[in-house]
């Protein structure tokens, strides 16, 4: 029995503007593979552990995808639209304990812009 990712997909992923792509191409090939694997999990698994996907406290509708590779930590912000549509915004490499407020604010602004542009 052959398995097709399209048939297994639970969610569709879209990139909002150029922000995610700019982050993605700046990473090493190994990090890009890890990011791609995490996005496949996001597309195909019914539930993801909060170690991979969690909501941003106090920011309704905003989530972060958490990626660890070789001791480095990366974050990609996203939101859900129409239930199974995931919209990716900005990403960054985390260099401190706390997620930089500027990155969260940027993601929140992009999410508001995305829904405003949709109308």
Protein backbone atom coordinates (compact mmCIF):
# COMPACT_ATOMS: atom_id res chain seq x y z
CA UNK A 1 0.00 0.00 0.00
CA UNK A 2 1.51 3.31 -1.07
CA UNK A 3 1.04 6.32 1.14
CA UNK A 4 0.60 9.78 -0.36
CA UNK A 5 1.21 12.93 1.73
CA UNK A 6 -1.64 14.73 -0.03
CA UNK A 7 -4.08 12.04 1.10
CA UNK A 8 -2.68 12.19 4.64
CA UNK A 9 -2.79 15.97 4.94
CA UNK A 10 -4.96 17.23 7.77
CA UNK A 11 -3.96 20.87 7.27
CA UNK A 12 -2.88 23.10 4.41
CA UNK A 13 0.09 25.42 4.98
CA UNK A 14 0.45 28.80 3.27
CA UNK A 15 3.09 31.49 3.62
CA UNK A 16 1.99 35.07 4.19
CA UNK A 17 4.02 37.34 1.94
CA UNK A 18 7.81 36.79 1.96
CA UNK A 19 8.61 36.65 5.69
CA UNK A 20 8.82 32.89 6.21
CA UNK A 21 10.69 32.32 2.93
CA UNK A 22 13.34 34.89 3.87
CA UNK A 23 13.87 33.17 7.22
CA UNK A 24 13.91 29.69 5.65
CA UNK A 25 16.50 30.36 2.92
CA UNK A 26 18.85 31.95 5.47
CA UNK A 27 19.15 28.61 7.33
CA UNK A 28 21.61 25.79 6.68
CA UNK A 29 20.39 22.83 4.64
CA UNK A 30 20.19 20.65 7.77
CA UNK A 31 18.09 23.23 9.60
CA UNK A 32 15.84 23.62 6.52
CA UNK A 33 15.29 19.84 6.53
CA UNK A 34 14.31 19.94 10.21
CA UNK A 35 11.92 22.83 9.55
CA UNK A 36 10.42 20.95 6.59
CA UNK A 37 9.97 17.82 8.72
CA UNK A 38 8.21 19.83 11.41
CA UNK A 39 5.89 21.38 8.81
CA UNK A 40 5.07 17.88 7.50
CA UNK A 41 4.09 16.90 11.06
CA UNK A 42 1.93 20.03 11.23
CA UNK A 43 0.22 19.02 7.97
CA UNK A 44 -0.33 15.35 8.76
CA UNK A 45 -0.67 14.72 12.49
CA UNK A 46 -4.02 15.13 14.24
CA UNK A 47 -2.38 16.62 17.32
CA UNK A 48 1.03 18.08 17.96
CA UNK A 49 2.63 18.26 21.40
CA UNK A 50 3.01 21.73 22.93
CA UNK A 51 6.77 21.23 22.64
CA UNK A 52 6.24 21.73 18.88
CA UNK A 53 3.14 23.95 18.60
CA UNK A 54 1.78 26.24 21.26
CA UNK A 55 -0.34 29.35 21.50
CA UNK A 56 1.26 32.65 22.46
CA UNK A 57 -0.07 33.71 25.82
CA UNK A 58 -2.14 36.88 25.63
CA UNK A 59 -2.10 36.96 21.81
CA UNK A 60 -5.41 35.46 20.71
CA UNK A 61 -5.05 33.27 17.65
CA UNK A 62 -1.25 33.52 17.40
CA UNK A 63 0.83 30.34 17.67
CA UNK A 64 4.49 29.45 17.48
CA UNK A 65 6.04 26.40 15.88
CA UNK A 66 9.07 25.34 17.90
CA UNK A 67 12.02 23.71 16.17
CA UNK A 68 15.20 22.49 17.86
CA UNK A 69 18.26 21.39 15.95
CA UNK A 70 21.81 20.83 17.14
CA UNK A 71 21.32 22.84 20.31
CA UNK A 72 19.81 25.77 18.40
CA UNK A 73 16.20 26.83 18.79
CA UNK A 74 14.06 28.31 16.02
CA UNK A 75 10.54 29.72 16.11
CA UNK A 76 8.01 30.31 13.35
CA UNK A 77 4.83 32.22 14.11
CA UNK A 78 1.53 31.18 12.57
CA UNK A 79 -2.23 31.30 12.88
CA UNK A 80 -5.12 29.10 11.83
CA UNK A 81 -7.75 30.15 9.34
CA UNK A 82 -10.88 28.22 8.34
CA UNK A 83 -9.93 25.46 10.79
CA UNK A 84 -7.39 23.52 8.75
CA UNK A 85 -5.50 26.31 7.00
CA UNK A 86 -2.21 27.33 8.66
CA UNK A 87 -0.70 30.69 7.74
CA UNK A 88 3.05 31.06 8.41
CA UNK A 89 4.47 34.46 9.28
CA UNK A 90 7.96 35.39 10.47
CA UNK A 91 10.59 33.06 11.86
CA UNK A 92 13.76 33.61 13.84
CA UNK A 93 16.53 31.84 15.72
CA UNK A 94 16.01 32.14 19.43
CA UNK A 95 19.14 33.29 21.25
CA UNK A 96 17.79 33.97 24.73
CA UNK A 97 15.42 32.40 27.26
CA UNK A 98 12.52 34.68 26.37
CA UNK A 99 11.03 35.14 22.93
CA UNK A 100 11.91 38.70 21.84
CA UNK A 101 8.89 40.98 22.20
CA UNK A 102 9.66 42.60 18.83
CA UNK A 103 9.27 39.24 17.06
CA UNK A 104 5.92 38.60 18.76
CA UNK A 105 4.71 42.11 17.90
CA UNK A 106 5.78 41.64 14.27
CA UNK A 107 3.89 38.34 14.07
CA UNK A 108 0.81 39.88 15.65
CA UNK A 109 0.93 42.77 13.16
CA UNK A 110 1.29 40.31 10.25
CA UNK A 111 -1.65 38.24 11.50
CA UNK A 112 -3.87 41.34 11.71
CA UNK A 113 -2.68 42.41 8.24
CA UNK A 114 -3.41 38.93 6.83
CA UNK A 115 -7.03 38.94 8.06
CA UNK A 116 -7.52 42.57 6.98
CA UNK A 117 -6.18 41.76 3.47
CA UNK A 118 -8.53 38.78 3.27
CA UNK A 119 -11.62 40.96 3.53
